[in-house]
Amino acid sequence: MPGTAGILFAAETEEVEGWRLLVPAGYDILWSSVVLIVIGVVFYKLVLPKFQAVLDERTEKIEGGLAKAASAQQEAAAAKAEYEQQLQDARAEAARIREDARSEAGQIVAEAREKATAEAARIAETAQRQIEAERQQAAVSLRADVGSLATELASKIVGESLEDEARRSRVVERFLDDLDAQTTATAGKGN
């Protein structure tokens, strides 16, 4: 077997030069290609579908999340618009209530003034009536007092009794009429 060992030794010691140094032997290329094809087929049949399923699932989750985010954003925008509308309505209502309150306050003040004016007029009228009644009562009382004094004085001056009621009334009336005429004449000259 010295020949076989010599061939092996000769193959091992054969020096490779040039471009052949970079290119592997044909059997290495063949077996490497077979292993690569087997690994590729296994990867394509077993591993790649699992990766694809995981990627599809992630894609669906992401798309679902984006859809939920978009719908949540639309709901938030709708809620914001509704809130702003309610806020605007509340502001308008508050302005209307303030205006109503001002109007009502003005009306209450006007009614209070009107009532106060009416009450003052009523009080003034009542006071005027009372003054007029007291003046008439004083005039009647004064007439009676003046009449009795005048009758008494006239009786003393005339020397005759004026006890007769009709005579006494005529004398008192004439005296009071003269007194009123003098007062009116004096008041007319003062103006």
Protein backbone atom coordinates (compact mmCIF):
# COMPACT_ATOMS: atom_id res chain seq x y z
CA MET A 1 0.00 0.00 0.00
CA PRO A 2 2.83 2.11 -0.32
CA GLY A 3 1.19 3.48 -3.42
CA THR A 4 -1.99 4.71 -1.75
CA ALA A 5 -0.13 6.46 0.95
CA GLY A 6 2.03 8.07 -1.59
CA ILE A 7 -0.98 9.34 -3.54
CA LEU A 8 -2.53 10.82 -0.49
CA PHE A 9 0.71 12.35 0.47
CA ALA A 10 1.17 13.64 -3.02
CA ALA A 11 -2.37 15.13 -2.96
CA GLU A 12 -1.72 16.73 0.32
CA THR A 13 1.53 18.17 -0.69
CA GLU A 14 0.33 19.37 -4.04
CA GLU A 15 0.59 23.06 -4.04
CA VAL A 16 -2.30 25.15 -5.29
CA GLU A 17 -1.39 28.36 -6.93
CA GLY A 18 -3.10 31.38 -8.48
CA TRP A 19 -6.83 31.74 -8.89
CA ARG A 20 -7.44 28.15 -7.84
CA LEU A 21 -6.44 29.16 -4.39
CA LEU A 22 -9.71 31.14 -4.14
CA VAL A 23 -12.05 28.57 -5.74
CA PRO A 24 -12.99 25.55 -3.65
CA ALA A 25 -12.89 22.06 -4.98
CA GLY A 26 -15.86 20.72 -6.96
CA TYR A 27 -16.98 18.21 -4.33
CA ASP A 28 -17.02 21.02 -1.70
CA ILE A 29 -19.25 23.09 -3.92
CA LEU A 30 -21.58 20.15 -4.55
CA TRP A 31 -22.03 19.15 -0.90
CA SER A 32 -22.31 22.76 0.23
CA SER A 33 -25.03 23.32 -2.38
CA VAL A 34 -26.96 20.21 -1.21
CA VAL A 35 -26.81 21.32 2.44
CA LEU A 36 -27.84 24.84 1.45
CA ILE A 37 -30.81 23.54 -0.55
CA VAL A 38 -31.93 21.28 2.33
CA ILE A 39 -31.64 24.12 4.83
CA GLY A 40 -33.45 26.47 2.39
CA VAL A 41 -36.31 24.00 1.87
CA VAL A 42 -36.69 23.43 5.63
CA PHE A 43 -36.53 27.16 6.25
CA TYR A 44 -39.09 27.86 3.47
CA LYS A 45 -41.48 25.09 4.59
CA LEU A 46 -41.23 25.32 8.39
CA VAL A 47 -39.66 28.54 9.63
CA LEU A 48 -40.80 31.08 7.06
CA PRO A 49 -44.57 30.38 7.54
CA LYS A 50 -44.19 30.85 11.30
CA PHE A 51 -42.34 34.13 10.78
CA GLN A 52 -44.98 35.19 8.28
CA ALA A 53 -47.78 34.33 10.73
CA VAL A 54 -46.08 36.30 13.49
CA LEU A 55 -45.56 39.26 11.13
CA ASP A 56 -49.17 39.08 9.92
CA GLU A 57 -50.41 38.97 13.51
CA ARG A 58 -48.28 41.98 14.43
CA THR A 59 -49.50 43.81 11.34
CA GLU A 60 -53.12 43.13 12.30
CA LYS A 61 -52.49 44.28 15.87
CA ILE A 62 -50.80 47.44 14.66
CA GLU A 63 -53.55 48.15 12.15
CA GLY A 64 -56.19 47.43 14.82
CA GLY A 65 -54.38 49.72 17.24
CA LEU A 66 -54.19 52.43 14.59
CA ALA A 67 -57.90 52.01 13.84
CA LYS A 68 -58.71 52.18 17.56
CA ALA A 69 -56.49 55.23 17.94
CA ALA A 70 -58.18 56.89 14.97
CA SER A 71 -61.66 56.13 16.33
CA ALA A 72 -60.60 57.31 19.80
CA GLN A 73 -59.24 60.50 18.25
CA GLN A 74 -62.52 61.02 16.37
CA GLU A 75 -64.49 60.40 19.57
CA ALA A 76 -62.24 62.81 21.44
CA ALA A 77 -62.73 65.43 18.72
CA ALA A 78 -66.50 64.89 18.84
CA ALA A 79 -66.49 65.11 22.65
CA LYS A 80 -64.41 68.28 22.47
CA ALA A 81 -66.77 69.81 19.93
CA GLU A 82 -69.75 68.87 22.10
CA TYR A 83 -68.03 70.30 25.18
CA GLU A 84 -67.25 73.55 23.35
CA GLN A 85 -70.87 73.75 22.15
CA GLN A 86 -72.16 73.17 25.68
CA LEU A 87 -69.73 75.77 27.00
CA GLN A 88 -70.90 78.25 24.38
CA ASP A 89 -74.54 77.47 25.20
CA ALA A 90 -73.83 77.89 28.91
CA ARG A 91 -72.17 81.26 28.27
CA ALA A 92 -75.12 82.40 26.17
CA GLU A 93 -77.54 81.20 28.86
CA ALA A 94 -75.55 83.02 31.56
CA ALA A 95 -75.60 86.22 29.47
CA ARG A 96 -79.35 85.85 28.94
CA ILE A 97 -79.90 85.26 32.67
CA ARG A 98 -77.79 88.32 33.54
CA GLU A 99 -79.75 90.42 31.06
CA ASP A 100 -83.06 89.09 32.44
CA ALA A 101 -81.89 89.84 35.97
CA ARG A 102 -80.91 93.40 34.98
CA SER A 103 -84.25 93.88 33.27
CA GLU A 104 -86.13 92.44 36.22
CA ALA A 105 -84.11 94.57 38.66
CA GLY A 106 -84.95 97.67 36.62
CA GLN A 107 -88.60 96.68 36.60
CA ILE A 108 -88.57 96.07 40.37
CA VAL A 109 -86.92 99.46 40.95
CA ALA A 110 -89.49 101.14 38.70
CA GLU A 111 -92.34 99.38 40.53
CA ALA A 112 -90.85 100.36 43.89
CA ARG A 113 -90.55 103.99 42.76
CA GLU A 114 -94.09 103.93 41.47
CA LYS A 115 -95.37 102.44 44.74
CA ALA A 116 -93.34 104.93 46.76
CA THR A 117 -94.69 107.81 44.66
CA ALA A 118 -98.24 106.51 45.01
CA GLU A 119 -97.77 106.02 48.76
CA ALA A 120 -96.31 109.52 49.11
CA ALA A 121 -99.23 110.96 47.13
CA ARG A 122 -101.69 109.01 49.27
CA ILE A 123 -100.02 110.17 52.46
CA ALA A 124 -99.95 113.77 51.20
CA GLU A 125 -103.62 113.54 50.20
CA THR A 126 -104.55 112.03 53.56
CA ALA A 127 -102.59 114.74 55.34
CA GLN A 128 -104.25 117.40 53.17
CA ARG A 129 -107.69 116.00 53.97
CA GLN A 130 -106.86 115.84 57.64
CA ILE A 131 -105.54 119.40 57.56
CA GLU A 132 -108.68 120.53 55.70
CA ALA A 133 -110.91 118.68 58.19
CA GLU A 134 -109.02 120.20 61.13
CA ARG A 135 -109.20 123.64 59.49
CA GLN A 136 -112.96 123.30 58.99
CA GLN A 137 -113.34 122.00 62.54
CA ALA A 138 -111.25 124.93 63.80
CA ALA A 139 -113.34 127.33 61.70
CA VAL A 140 -116.56 125.88 63.08
CA SER A 141 -115.17 125.99 66.61
CA LEU A 142 -113.87 129.51 66.03
CA ARG A 143 -117.24 130.61 64.63
CA ALA A 144 -119.00 129.22 67.65
CA ASP A 145 -116.54 130.86 70.06
CA VAL A 146 -116.46 134.14 68.13
CA GLY A 147 -120.24 134.01 67.79
CA SER A 148 -120.79 133.61 71.50
CA LEU A 149 -118.22 136.31 72.28
CA ALA A 150 -119.70 138.62 69.66
CA THR A 151 -123.21 138.03 70.97
CA GLU A 152 -122.11 138.70 74.47
CA LEU A 153 -120.17 141.80 73.41
CA ALA A 154 -123.05 143.04 71.29
CA SER A 155 -125.45 142.46 74.13
CA LYS A 156 -123.31 144.58 76.38
CA ILE A 157 -122.87 147.33 73.79
CA VAL A 158 -126.46 147.43 72.61
CA GLY A 159 -127.77 146.88 76.02
CA GLU A 160 -130.35 144.51 74.85
CA SER A 161 -130.30 140.82 75.11
CA LEU A 162 -129.55 138.81 72.03
CA GLU A 163 -130.81 135.61 73.45
CA ASP A 164 -133.06 134.97 70.51
CA GLU A 165 -131.34 132.32 68.41
CA ALA A 166 -132.34 133.66 65.00
CA ARG A 167 -131.20 137.17 65.84
CA ARG A 168 -128.00 135.91 67.34
CA SER A 169 -127.23 133.78 64.21
CA ARG A 170 -127.80 136.78 61.92
CA VAL A 171 -125.53 139.01 64.00
CA VAL A 172 -122.79 136.34 64.14
CA GLU A 173 -123.01 135.67 60.41
CA ARG A 174 -122.85 139.36 59.57
CA PHE A 175 -119.86 139.81 61.90
CA LEU A 176 -118.00 136.83 60.42
CA ASP A 177 -118.75 137.95 56.86
CA ASP A 178 -117.35 141.39 57.66
CA LEU A 179 -114.30 139.76 59.22
CA ASP A 180 -113.76 137.55 56.13
CA ALA A 181 -114.15 140.56 53.83
CA GLN A 182 -111.54 142.49 55.82
CA THR A 183 -109.14 139.48 55.75
CA THR A 184 -109.59 139.06 52.00
CA ALA A 185 -109.06 142.77 51.39
CA THR A 186 -105.92 142.77 53.52
CA ALA A 187 -104.59 139.65 51.77
CA GLY A 188 -105.31 141.19 48.35
CA LYS A 189 -103.31 144.35 49.21
CA GLY A 190 -100.35 142.26 50.46
CA ASN A 191 -99.96 140.55 47.07
